[in-house]
Protein backbone atom coordinates (compact mmCIF):
# COMPACT_ATOMS: atom_id res chain seq x y z
CA MET A 1 91.58 7.70 -24.15
CA THR A 2 89.15 4.90 -22.33
CA MET A 3 86.72 4.73 -19.46
CA PHE A 4 89.73 3.21 -17.64
CA ASP A 5 91.91 6.17 -17.84
CA ARG A 6 89.40 9.07 -18.29
CA VAL A 7 88.95 10.81 -14.85
CA ARG A 8 85.55 12.58 -14.64
CA ARG A 9 84.81 15.31 -12.19
CA GLY A 10 81.51 17.00 -10.91
CA PHE A 11 79.94 18.04 -8.04
CA PHE A 12 76.92 17.17 -5.69
CA ASN A 13 75.38 18.46 -2.70
CA VAL A 14 75.08 17.12 0.76
CA GLY A 15 72.58 19.50 2.23
CA LYS A 16 73.77 22.82 1.20
CA ARG A 17 77.54 22.02 1.13
CA ALA A 18 78.78 21.19 -2.27
CA VAL A 19 81.09 18.16 -2.51
CA HIS A 20 83.65 17.71 -5.47
CA TYR A 21 84.42 14.11 -6.86
CA ARG A 22 86.48 12.44 -9.46
CA ILE A 23 85.35 9.11 -10.87
CA VAL A 24 87.23 6.63 -13.20
CA GLY A 25 86.90 2.98 -14.19
CA GLY A 26 84.15 0.46 -14.51
CA GLY A 27 83.16 -2.59 -12.26
CA PRO A 28 81.94 -2.57 -8.60
CA PRO A 29 82.46 0.91 -6.91
CA ALA A 30 85.59 1.57 -4.46
CA LEU A 31 85.90 4.77 -2.33
CA PHE A 32 89.44 6.54 -2.18
CA ILE A 33 90.15 9.17 0.49
CA HIS A 34 93.11 11.45 0.21
CA SER A 35 95.41 12.91 2.76
CA SER A 36 95.58 16.50 4.03
CA PRO A 37 96.13 19.42 2.74
CA ALA A 38 95.98 17.52 -0.52
CA ASP A 39 92.77 17.13 -2.68
CA SER A 40 91.49 14.12 -4.57
CA THR A 41 94.22 14.30 -7.29
CA PHE A 42 96.62 12.84 -4.74
CA VAL A 43 94.73 9.38 -4.95
CA VAL A 44 94.36 9.49 -8.83
CA PRO A 45 97.43 7.25 -9.17
CA ASP A 46 95.95 4.74 -6.94
CA MET A 47 92.47 4.78 -8.77
CA LEU A 48 93.89 4.52 -12.19
CA ALA A 49 95.82 1.37 -11.07
CA LEU A 50 92.78 -0.37 -10.36
CA ALA A 51 90.37 1.38 -12.98
CA HIS A 52 90.23 -1.67 -15.13
CA ARG A 53 88.56 -3.69 -12.41
CA TYR A 54 86.62 -1.03 -10.21
CA THR A 55 84.75 2.09 -10.65
CA CYS A 56 87.05 4.16 -8.40
CA VAL A 57 85.53 7.21 -6.76
CA ALA A 58 87.24 10.10 -4.77
CA PHE A 59 85.70 13.05 -2.96
CA ASP A 60 87.76 16.12 -2.00
CA THR A 61 87.50 15.96 1.83
CA PRO A 62 85.75 18.76 3.36
CA GLY A 63 87.45 22.05 2.90
CA PHE A 64 90.10 20.82 0.32
CA GLY A 65 90.17 21.01 -3.51
CA LEU A 66 86.61 22.32 -4.79
CA SER A 67 84.86 20.94 -1.64
CA ASP A 68 83.19 23.29 0.81
CA PRO A 69 84.23 23.22 4.34
CA LEU A 70 82.34 21.79 7.34
CA PRO A 71 81.49 24.42 9.46
CA GLY A 72 83.06 24.46 13.14
CA ASP A 73 86.41 24.77 14.67
CA PRO A 74 87.87 22.73 15.91
CA LEU A 75 86.50 19.42 14.01
CA THR A 76 87.31 15.75 14.84
CA VAL A 77 88.30 12.81 12.41
CA ALA A 78 84.82 11.60 13.53
CA ASP A 79 83.22 14.83 12.10
CA LEU A 80 85.06 14.16 9.01
CA ALA A 81 84.00 10.49 8.76
CA ASP A 82 80.31 11.41 9.38
CA ALA A 83 80.47 13.91 6.55
CA THR A 84 82.07 11.18 4.20
CA ALA A 85 79.14 8.75 5.23
CA ALA A 86 76.69 11.45 4.27
CA ALA A 87 78.50 12.05 1.01
CA MET A 88 78.46 8.32 0.21
CA VAL A 89 74.65 8.12 0.76
CA ALA A 90 73.94 11.43 -1.21
CA PHE A 91 76.26 9.76 -4.06
CA GLY A 92 74.44 6.55 -4.10
CA LEU A 93 77.42 4.37 -3.16
CA PRO A 94 76.42 0.90 -1.86
CA ARG A 95 78.79 -0.92 0.93
CA VAL A 96 82.02 -0.71 -0.69
CA PRO A 97 85.82 -1.20 -0.08
CA VAL A 98 87.62 1.96 0.93
CA TYR A 99 91.19 3.09 0.61
CA GLY A 100 92.49 5.94 2.54
CA THR A 101 96.08 7.25 3.04
CA HIS A 102 97.27 9.50 5.95
CA THR A 103 94.32 11.79 6.87
CA GLY A 104 92.35 9.62 4.50
CA ALA A 105 93.46 6.59 6.48
CA ALA A 106 92.18 8.32 9.73
CA ILE A 107 88.82 9.31 8.18
CA ALA A 108 88.58 5.71 6.62
CA LEU A 109 89.18 4.13 10.10
CA GLU A 110 86.56 6.18 11.64
CA LEU A 111 84.18 5.46 8.92
CA GLY A 112 84.67 2.03 9.38
CA ALA A 113 84.02 2.08 13.08
CA ARG A 114 81.05 4.57 13.08
CA HIS A 115 79.41 3.31 9.76
CA PRO A 116 80.18 -0.24 9.34
CA ALA A 117 77.17 -0.69 7.11
CA ARG A 118 78.79 1.49 4.35
CA VAL A 119 82.23 -0.27 4.49
CA SER A 120 82.88 -4.03 3.20
CA GLY A 121 86.62 -3.38 4.11
CA LEU A 122 89.42 -1.08 4.68
CA VAL A 123 93.04 -0.35 3.22
CA LEU A 124 94.50 1.86 5.57
CA ASP A 125 97.76 3.43 4.37
CA GLY A 126 99.68 5.51 7.10
CA VAL A 127 97.18 5.55 9.91
CA PRO A 128 98.24 8.51 12.35
CA ILE A 129 98.31 7.27 15.88
CA PHE A 130 100.14 10.24 17.70
CA THR A 131 100.77 10.25 21.27
CA ARG A 132 99.07 13.22 23.14
CA ALA A 133 102.55 15.05 23.55
CA GLU A 134 103.38 14.59 19.98
CA ALA A 135 99.99 15.89 18.93
CA ASP A 136 100.05 18.84 21.15
CA ALA A 137 103.67 19.81 19.78
CA LEU A 138 102.20 19.25 16.02
CA ILE A 139 99.24 21.50 16.64
CA ALA A 140 101.20 24.18 18.27
CA GLY A 141 104.06 24.12 15.69
CA TYR A 142 102.87 23.05 12.37
CA PHE A 143 100.52 26.03 11.06
CA ILE A 144 102.04 28.99 9.62
CA ASP A 145 100.39 32.29 8.46
CA LEU A 146 98.97 31.69 4.93
CA SER A 147 97.52 35.07 4.42
CA PRO A 148 98.75 36.78 1.30
CA ASP A 149 101.29 39.53 1.53
CA ILE A 150 100.51 42.64 -0.59
CA LEU A 151 104.13 42.71 -1.78
CA GLY A 152 104.07 38.82 -2.77
CA GLY A 153 106.46 37.86 -0.49
CA HIS A 154 104.24 34.84 1.26
CA PHE A 155 104.97 32.64 -1.99
CA SER A 156 108.72 32.46 -0.74
CA ARG A 157 107.58 31.46 2.89
CA ILE A 158 105.03 28.86 1.73
CA TRP A 159 107.27 27.47 -0.52
CA THR A 160 110.11 26.89 1.97
CA ARG A 161 107.56 25.58 4.36
CA LEU A 162 106.39 22.83 1.90
CA ARG A 163 110.18 22.04 1.03
CA ASP A 164 110.95 21.62 4.60
CA GLN A 165 108.32 19.27 4.97
CA SER A 166 110.32 16.78 2.35
CA ILE A 167 113.29 17.14 4.53
CA TRP A 168 112.11 17.01 8.06
CA PHE A 169 109.11 15.64 10.07
CA PRO A 170 107.85 17.57 11.61
CA TRP A 171 108.74 20.42 9.19
CA TYR A 172 109.49 22.72 11.94
CA ALA A 173 112.02 20.18 13.78
CA ARG A 174 115.15 20.96 11.76
CA SER A 175 117.68 18.47 13.38
CA PRO A 176 119.37 15.43 11.82
CA ASP A 177 117.37 13.00 13.99
CA GLN A 178 114.13 14.14 12.35
CA HIS A 179 115.29 13.61 8.81
CA ASN A 180 112.99 11.84 6.47
CA ASP A 181 113.99 8.76 4.99
CA TYR A 182 113.78 9.58 1.46
CA ASP A 183 115.47 12.33 -0.90
CA LEU A 184 114.52 15.93 -1.23
CA ALA A 185 111.06 15.83 -3.15
CA ALA A 186 111.40 17.14 -6.85
CA PRO A 187 110.38 20.83 -7.46
CA SER A 188 107.56 19.49 -9.55
CA LEU A 189 106.05 17.71 -6.39
CA THR A 190 106.62 20.67 -4.18
CA HIS A 191 104.83 22.89 -6.81
CA ARG A 192 101.92 20.37 -6.95
CA TRP A 193 101.76 20.39 -2.91
CA MET A 194 101.83 24.27 -3.21
CA THR A 195 98.95 24.48 -5.44
CA MET A 196 96.68 22.21 -3.30
CA PHE A 197 97.97 23.93 0.00
CA LEU A 198 96.95 27.24 -1.52
CA ASP A 199 93.48 26.20 -2.73
CA ALA A 200 92.64 25.13 0.94
CA ALA A 201 94.58 28.09 2.58
CA ALA A 202 91.42 29.90 3.93
CA HIS A 203 89.96 26.85 5.66
CA TYR A 204 92.12 24.00 6.02
CA ARG A 205 93.60 24.25 9.45
CA PRO A 206 90.49 22.93 11.25
CA ALA A 207 90.20 19.59 9.17
CA TYR A 208 93.92 19.28 9.06
CA ALA A 209 94.43 19.84 12.86
CA ALA A 210 91.80 17.01 13.40
CA ALA A 211 94.25 14.52 11.98
CA LEU A 212 97.35 15.83 13.65
CA GLY A 213 95.33 15.43 16.93
CA TYR A 214 94.14 11.80 16.25
CA CYS A 215 95.92 9.98 19.26
CA ASP A 216 93.50 8.16 21.65
CA GLN A 217 90.63 8.43 19.26
CA ALA A 218 92.71 6.35 17.13
CA LEU A 219 93.12 3.48 19.26
CA VAL A 220 89.38 3.53 20.21
CA ALA A 221 88.59 3.44 16.61
CA VAL A 222 90.90 0.55 15.97
CA GLU A 223 89.44 -1.44 19.23
CA ALA A 224 85.69 -0.89 18.17
CA LEU A 225 86.41 -1.88 14.17
CA ALA A 226 84.50 -4.89 13.24
CA VAL A 227 85.06 -4.90 9.34
CA PRO A 228 88.03 -6.66 7.78
CA ALA A 229 91.18 -4.16 7.17
CA VAL A 230 94.54 -4.06 6.32
CA PHE A 231 96.74 -1.69 7.92
CA THR A 232 100.12 -0.81 5.84
CA ALA A 233 102.58 2.07 5.17
CA SER A 234 105.54 2.68 2.88
CA ALA A 235 108.72 1.62 4.88
CA ASN A 236 109.92 5.22 4.48
CA ASP A 237 106.76 6.96 5.53
CA MET A 238 106.97 9.08 8.67
CA LEU A 239 103.84 7.30 9.86
CA TYR A 240 105.37 3.65 9.07
CA PRO A 241 106.56 3.30 13.27
CA HIS A 242 102.95 3.89 13.98
CA LEU A 243 102.06 0.43 12.79
CA ARG A 244 103.68 -0.76 15.96
CA ARG A 245 101.33 1.23 18.26
CA LEU A 246 98.38 -0.40 16.82
CA PRO A 247 96.40 -2.36 19.53
CA PRO A 248 95.77 -6.42 18.88
CA LEU A 249 93.73 -6.57 15.76
CA ARG A 250 90.41 -8.99 15.28
CA ALA A 251 90.14 -11.76 12.83
CA GLY A 252 90.02 -10.47 9.43
CA GLN A 253 92.33 -7.43 10.08
CA GLU A 254 95.98 -7.43 9.67
CA ILE A 255 99.31 -5.68 9.22
CA ARG A 256 100.82 -6.00 5.49
CA GLU A 257 103.93 -4.30 4.40
CA PHE A 258 104.79 -3.60 0.80
CA GLY A 259 108.29 -1.92 1.00
CA ILE A 260 108.75 1.30 -0.84
CA ASP A 261 107.33 0.70 -4.04
CA PRO A 262 104.06 2.28 -5.22
CA ALA A 263 103.18 -0.45 -7.61
CA ALA A 264 103.53 -3.16 -4.80
CA LYS A 265 100.87 -0.81 -2.94
CA HIS A 266 98.64 -0.94 -5.78
CA VAL A 267 98.91 -4.73 -6.00
CA LEU A 268 98.27 -5.03 -2.26
CA THR A 269 95.26 -2.69 -2.71
CA GLY A 270 93.83 -4.45 -5.51
CA GLU A 271 94.35 -8.07 -3.51
CA MET A 272 92.36 -6.62 -0.60
CA PHE A 273 89.75 -4.93 -2.43
CA ASP A 274 88.97 -8.45 -4.33
CA ARG A 275 88.85 -9.84 -0.90
CA PHE A 276 86.43 -7.12 0.47
CA VAL A 277 84.01 -6.35 -2.65
CA ASP A 278 80.37 -7.17 -2.99
CA PRO A 279 80.49 -8.55 -6.49
CA GLY A 280 77.04 -7.46 -7.05
CA ALA A 281 77.35 -3.83 -5.77
CA THR A 282 76.90 -1.35 -8.51
CA LEU A 283 76.80 2.44 -8.94
CA GLU A 284 73.83 3.16 -11.07
CA HIS A 285 74.29 6.92 -11.57
CA PRO A 286 76.32 9.14 -9.77
CA PRO A 287 74.39 12.74 -9.07
CA ALA A 288 73.82 14.69 -11.84
CA SER A 289 76.63 17.43 -12.18
CA VAL A 290 74.59 19.64 -14.43
CA ARG A 291 72.54 21.95 -11.95
CA ALA A 292 70.91 25.20 -12.46
CA THR A 293 73.52 27.15 -10.43
CA GLY A 294 76.70 26.87 -8.80
CA ARG A 295 79.96 25.29 -9.98
CA GLN A 296 79.57 22.16 -12.35
CA PHE A 297 81.72 20.38 -14.69
CA PHE A 298 81.10 19.90 -18.53
CA ALA A 299 82.66 17.48 -20.77
CA PHE A 300 84.69 18.49 -23.69
CA GLU A 301 87.55 16.63 -25.76
CA ARG A 302 90.39 17.11 -23.28
CA GLY A 303 88.93 16.69 -20.17
CA ASP A 304 86.12 18.58 -18.01
CA LEU A 305 85.29 22.24 -18.06
CA LEU A 306 84.56 24.11 -14.98
CA VAL A 307 81.76 26.54 -15.20
CA ARG A 308 80.28 28.77 -12.63
CA CYS A 309 76.50 29.38 -13.02
CA ALA A 310 73.99 31.85 -11.36
CA GLY A 311 70.71 33.11 -11.35
CA GLU A 312 67.35 31.71 -12.44
CA ARG A 313 67.03 29.56 -15.67
CA ASP A 314 64.12 31.42 -16.91
CA LEU A 315 65.97 34.94 -16.86
CA PRO A 316 67.86 35.92 -20.02
CA CYS A 317 71.19 34.00 -20.37
CA LEU A 318 74.47 35.97 -20.23
CA LEU A 319 77.88 34.18 -21.35
CA LEU A 320 80.59 35.82 -19.35
CA LEU A 321 83.91 35.18 -20.69
CA HIS A 322 86.88 36.04 -18.34
CA ASP A 323 90.12 37.87 -19.39
CA VAL A 324 93.42 35.48 -19.86
CA PRO A 325 95.61 34.64 -18.37
CA GLY A 326 92.80 34.14 -15.18
CA SER A 327 89.72 32.28 -14.49
CA SER A 328 86.23 32.74 -13.82
CA ARG A 329 86.96 32.75 -10.22
CA ALA A 330 88.03 36.57 -10.42
CA LEU A 331 84.24 37.10 -11.71
CA GLU A 332 82.47 35.68 -8.69
CA PRO A 333 81.32 39.16 -7.49
CA LEU A 334 80.40 40.33 -10.82
CA ILE A 335 78.67 36.97 -11.37
CA ALA A 336 76.70 37.27 -7.95
CA ALA A 337 75.89 40.98 -8.63
CA LEU A 338 74.22 39.96 -12.27
CA SER A 339 72.24 36.99 -11.16
CA ASN A 340 69.10 38.79 -10.41
CA SER A 341 69.26 40.07 -14.24
CA TYR A 342 70.52 37.09 -15.73
CA PHE A 343 71.12 33.34 -16.02
CA VAL A 344 74.74 33.73 -15.98
CA VAL A 345 77.33 31.29 -17.28
CA ALA A 346 80.91 31.75 -16.81
CA PRO A 347 83.26 29.13 -17.83
CA ASP A 348 87.00 28.62 -16.76
CA LEU A 349 88.14 28.76 -20.43
CA PRO A 350 90.19 26.05 -21.62
CA GLY A 351 93.73 26.24 -20.37
CA SER A 352 92.45 28.42 -17.38
CA GLY A 353 91.80 27.63 -13.68
CA ASN A 354 90.20 23.93 -13.41
CA SER A 355 89.91 23.53 -17.16
CA PRO A 356 92.57 21.78 -19.05
CA GLY A 357 93.90 23.31 -22.10
CA PHE A 358 93.70 21.80 -25.61
CA GLY A 359 97.69 21.97 -26.20
CA ALA A 360 99.73 24.02 -28.35
CA GLY A 361 98.31 25.17 -31.71
CA ALA A 362 94.47 25.23 -30.68
CA SER A 363 92.80 27.76 -32.88
CA MET A 364 90.07 30.24 -32.02
CA GLY A 365 87.53 27.62 -33.77
CA ASP A 366 88.63 25.14 -31.31
CA TYR A 367 87.56 27.64 -28.25
CA VAL A 368 84.40 28.57 -30.36
CA GLY A 369 83.39 25.01 -30.44
CA VAL A 370 83.75 24.25 -26.79
CA LEU A 371 81.51 27.31 -26.02
CA ARG A 372 78.85 26.01 -28.51
CA ASP A 373 79.16 22.67 -27.03
CA LEU A 374 78.56 24.07 -23.46
CA LEU A 375 75.59 26.15 -24.61
CA ASP A 376 74.14 22.99 -26.18
CA GLN A 377 74.64 20.93 -23.13
CA LEU A 378 72.88 23.63 -21.23
CA GLY A 379 70.00 23.79 -23.39
CA ILE A 380 70.59 27.65 -24.24
CA VAL A 381 68.97 28.73 -27.44
CA GLN A 382 69.91 32.40 -27.09
CA CYS A 383 72.07 34.45 -24.82
CA ALA A 384 74.24 37.65 -24.83
CA VAL A 385 77.94 37.17 -24.67
CA ALA A 386 80.17 39.67 -22.75
CA GLY A 387 84.10 39.32 -23.24
CA ILE A 388 86.77 40.74 -21.16
CA GLY A 389 90.17 41.54 -22.42
CA PHE A 390 91.54 38.89 -24.52
CA ALA A 391 88.17 36.84 -24.33
CA SER A 392 86.55 39.69 -26.16
CA SER A 393 87.90 38.44 -29.55
CA LEU A 394 86.45 34.81 -28.34
CA ALA A 395 82.92 36.57 -27.77
CA LEU A 396 83.29 37.96 -31.34
CA ALA A 397 84.30 34.89 -32.92
CA LEU A 398 81.28 33.17 -31.14
CA ALA A 399 78.86 35.84 -32.18
CA ARG A 400 80.13 35.51 -35.86
CA THR A 401 79.91 31.86 -35.95
CA ASP A 402 76.77 31.37 -33.98
CA GLY A 403 74.92 34.40 -34.94
CA GLY A 404 71.38 32.82 -34.48
CA ARG A 405 72.22 31.97 -31.00
CA VAL A 406 74.26 35.38 -29.78
CA ALA A 407 71.56 38.11 -29.58
CA SER A 408 74.18 40.83 -28.50
CA VAL A 409 77.52 41.43 -27.43
CA ALA A 410 79.66 43.39 -24.93
CA LEU A 411 83.30 43.99 -24.76
CA THR A 412 85.58 45.54 -22.36
CA GLY A 413 88.87 45.62 -24.05
CA VAL A 414 89.53 44.12 -27.21
CA LEU A 415 92.94 43.18 -28.78
CA LEU A 416 92.99 45.01 -32.18
CA ALA A 417 96.79 45.03 -32.49
CA ASP A 418 98.77 45.19 -35.91
CA ALA A 419 100.86 42.50 -37.14
CA THR A 420 104.02 44.11 -35.55
CA GLU A 421 102.54 44.24 -32.19
CA ARG A 422 100.89 40.77 -32.51
CA GLN A 423 104.49 39.29 -32.99
CA ARG A 424 105.77 41.40 -30.10
CA LEU A 425 103.12 40.07 -27.96
CA ALA A 426 103.24 36.45 -29.07
CA ALA A 427 106.76 36.56 -27.99
CA HIS A 428 106.52 38.24 -24.59
CA HIS A 429 102.91 38.24 -23.10
CA THR A 430 102.84 34.77 -21.75
CA PRO A 431 106.25 33.46 -21.26
CA PRO A 432 106.81 29.77 -20.34
CA ILE A 433 106.39 29.09 -16.55
CA ALA A 434 109.19 26.86 -15.81
CA ILE A 435 108.91 25.38 -12.08
CA GLU A 436 112.40 26.52 -10.29
CA ALA A 437 113.84 24.64 -7.23
CA ASP A 438 113.64 27.53 -5.12
CA GLY A 439 109.91 28.26 -6.14
CA SER A 440 110.76 31.84 -7.49
CA HIS A 441 108.34 31.11 -10.54
CA TRP A 442 105.35 31.48 -8.13
CA PHE A 443 106.66 35.11 -7.15
CA ARG A 444 107.61 35.96 -11.08
CA LEU A 445 104.04 34.99 -12.20
CA TRP A 446 102.60 37.15 -9.39
CA GLN A 447 104.66 40.01 -10.49
CA GLN A 448 103.70 39.47 -14.13
CA LEU A 449 100.05 39.45 -13.30
CA ARG A 450 100.60 42.52 -11.34
CA ASP A 451 102.15 44.69 -14.01
CA THR A 452 99.47 44.00 -16.32
CA LEU A 453 97.55 46.34 -14.18
CA ILE A 454 100.13 49.13 -14.39
CA TRP A 455 101.49 48.93 -18.28
CA TRP A 456 100.06 47.61 -21.55
CA PRO A 457 101.88 45.84 -22.53
CA TRP A 458 103.01 44.54 -19.22
CA PHE A 459 106.64 43.74 -20.42
CA ASP A 460 107.01 47.13 -21.55
CA PRO A 461 107.51 49.37 -18.12
CA ARG A 462 107.82 52.81 -19.70
CA ARG A 463 106.01 56.01 -18.70
CA ASP A 464 104.43 55.88 -22.16
CA ALA A 465 102.98 52.50 -21.51
CA LEU A 466 101.17 53.15 -18.18
CA ARG A 467 97.44 52.28 -18.34
CA GLY A 468 96.26 55.24 -16.44
CA GLU A 469 93.58 53.29 -15.22
CA PRO A 470 92.70 52.70 -11.33
CA ALA A 471 93.30 49.12 -10.58
CA ASP A 472 92.80 46.76 -7.63
CA PHE A 473 96.10 45.76 -6.11
CA ALA A 474 94.61 43.95 -3.06
CA ALA A 475 96.91 41.09 -1.92
CA GLY A 476 94.10 38.59 -1.98
CA VAL A 477 92.82 39.52 -5.66
CA LEU A 478 96.44 39.00 -6.89
CA HIS A 479 97.05 35.84 -4.91
CA ASP A 480 93.79 34.28 -6.14
CA ARG A 481 94.47 35.09 -9.98
CA THR A 482 98.13 33.73 -9.39
CA VAL A 483 96.85 30.44 -8.00
CA GLU A 484 94.23 30.07 -10.58
CA VAL A 485 96.79 30.81 -13.49
CA MET A 486 99.32 28.35 -11.82
CA LYS A 487 97.05 25.37 -11.86
CA GLN A 488 97.19 25.49 -15.69
CA HIS A 489 100.81 26.74 -15.85
CA THR A 490 101.90 24.69 -19.03
CA ALA A 491 98.56 25.75 -20.72
CA TYR A 492 97.92 29.35 -19.56
CA GLY A 493 99.27 31.00 -22.94
CA GLU A 494 97.30 28.83 -25.25
CA LEU A 495 93.99 30.89 -25.75
CA VAL A 496 96.43 34.26 -25.94
CA ALA A 497 98.19 32.52 -28.75
CA ALA A 498 95.04 31.66 -30.49
CA VAL A 499 93.69 35.53 -30.03
CA LEU A 500 97.10 36.60 -31.53
CA ALA A 501 96.85 34.38 -34.54
CA HIS A 502 93.05 35.51 -35.20
CA ASP A 503 92.03 39.10 -36.55
CA ALA A 504 89.16 40.11 -34.43
CA GLY A 505 88.97 43.02 -36.47
CA GLU A 506 87.49 41.27 -39.12
CA ASP A 507 84.96 39.88 -36.74
CA LEU A 508 83.98 43.26 -35.46
CA ALA A 509 83.54 44.78 -38.94
CA LEU A 510 80.88 42.03 -39.79
CA LEU A 511 79.33 42.02 -36.45
CA SER A 512 75.60 42.18 -37.09
CA GLN A 513 74.24 42.04 -33.45
CA PRO A 514 73.84 45.00 -31.11
CA LEU A 515 77.30 45.79 -29.53
CA LEU A 516 78.08 47.58 -26.17
CA VAL A 517 81.61 48.69 -25.59
CA LEU A 518 82.60 49.31 -21.94
CA SER A 519 85.81 50.97 -20.88
CA GLY A 520 87.31 50.78 -17.30
CA SER A 521 89.71 48.88 -15.16
CA ALA A 522 88.64 45.40 -15.79
CA SER A 523 90.71 44.64 -18.72
CA PRO A 524 94.49 45.95 -19.47
CA LEU A 525 93.07 46.28 -22.96
CA SER A 526 90.75 48.96 -22.05
CA ARG A 527 91.24 52.01 -24.18
CA ALA A 528 94.44 50.66 -25.87
CA TYR A 529 92.94 50.19 -28.99
CA ASP A 530 89.77 52.81 -28.67
CA ALA A 531 90.74 54.63 -32.20
CA ARG A 532 90.68 51.36 -34.37
CA LEU A 533 87.53 50.12 -32.42
CA GLY A 534 85.71 53.28 -33.10
CA SER A 535 86.69 53.06 -36.87
CA LEU A 536 85.56 49.29 -36.93
CA ALA A 537 82.39 49.60 -35.02
CA PRO A 538 81.41 53.32 -35.42
CA SER A 539 77.42 52.58 -34.40
CA ALA A 540 78.54 50.68 -31.08
CA ARG A 541 77.16 52.02 -27.85
CA THR A 542 79.90 53.02 -25.44
CA ARG A 543 80.06 53.59 -21.65
CA ARG A 544 82.74 54.10 -18.96
CA TYR A 545 82.36 52.32 -15.68
CA ASP A 546 83.98 52.13 -12.42
CA GLY A 547 84.36 48.93 -10.26
CA ILE A 548 82.36 45.75 -10.19
CA ALA A 549 79.24 47.63 -9.36
CA GLY A 550 79.63 50.03 -12.23
CA LEU A 551 80.63 47.00 -14.72
CA ALA A 552 77.51 44.99 -13.57
CA ASP A 553 75.20 47.95 -13.96
CA ALA A 554 76.76 48.54 -17.58
CA LEU A 555 76.30 44.77 -18.34
CA ARG A 556 72.57 45.12 -17.58
CA GLU A 557 72.26 47.21 -20.63
CA ILE A 558 73.52 44.74 -23.11
């Protein structure tokens, strides 16, 4: 993998608001602005097509992907353009060519009209120019309730909504004259939209409604635009007819068409960027992604590892490892509760949440290596480590491998199964997730994760397998966990497989650091292996806890 195809990720701040970015390539910088309700992954193919000639940068627009939303409701496209200009300044971008698609084209158009000193030229793919009647109808009918259902039914509702958008525009106008001019989207594409949609569900409406309501303002912006620009759209795009709604353009501005071939669009974009670019423009250094607190990315061999950090750097360090399947997002309340006592470092482990996996066959040593590299990058010379559930095995392996750095260990649930049970778990615990045309894989995963709160193992729903622990069945909690696991649906079982192939009992028996064993509802493994745990670690301190507050209190004793 080279600089021309390795997409790097990071965060920077605009005031108090975190902005997530992607960057790839080399050469003069260029900015790409995605559509809604997507995130910057949507323009990665466009970036990669030009990465051999340009340093391609994309921000998640406010409220989408991993970028914080703007305050206020309603918002306007001008608000989003002003936020983009502020992000460009904070990021250190010079005057650059800008590509925008759909909502991103509207934002880019306003950016060029309102902040011409930041833009050397525009490629606008599918600028929305709705009539007032169209805009009113869209805003009235486009949005559905995205709130999680305690019984998981919302996954079917949202999947059908996104599938319908591939059939009709607008999606709710189910009549033959509203059919889109293309085939039904592949289930994999609907799945991708579903993941992005659910990531932004809590705050997507104000920014998305701004784009849907972009009508008279679009015409005003085009008439005010003084920078070079190319207006275009795929011939089968529902916004293609909007090219005919453009007012007369200035010199240096034109309509260019490319048919329906994405490669032809990339050629057109490259041709226009070559015309617009300032050859001397450079991006010296993007803002540092490694900050004391908040979300940040760290490089490892397969991609970038998302890490949540909280607390002051001069506090003792606690490396907090989430259970799998899952991500560190589920630990955010615990991270906040511990941040007055520790500098908390909580990564999305490889194959979880926003961190890519290793691929099949990864060993426990691979995961330990990532954690050691993370601690090195953070400059952590000593820490306590706490592992939850399957990640308890990883905590023990790290403590044994890096004993000089790991001062103490806390475990809540640790896998100490015999060989027969390991084989059974390997066969059933993390079944492959196949994307289904009807979206049923979302509900199936939700039910699988829910069942881990009821039985151990979850696939053995007998009375004798009931966990007997209180659990949190709140709709939002299960929904968030499902979304986080689905982000890495092809890799979510990799760490589980590594744990099942590794004997945590040997690490436990040889552990030299102080050990705190916690028992409570945070892990399905709690109490499952207490007898063997007691025999392998007879001198360990033990404690019961209840809820997040209780777990935080217990971890303060590590």
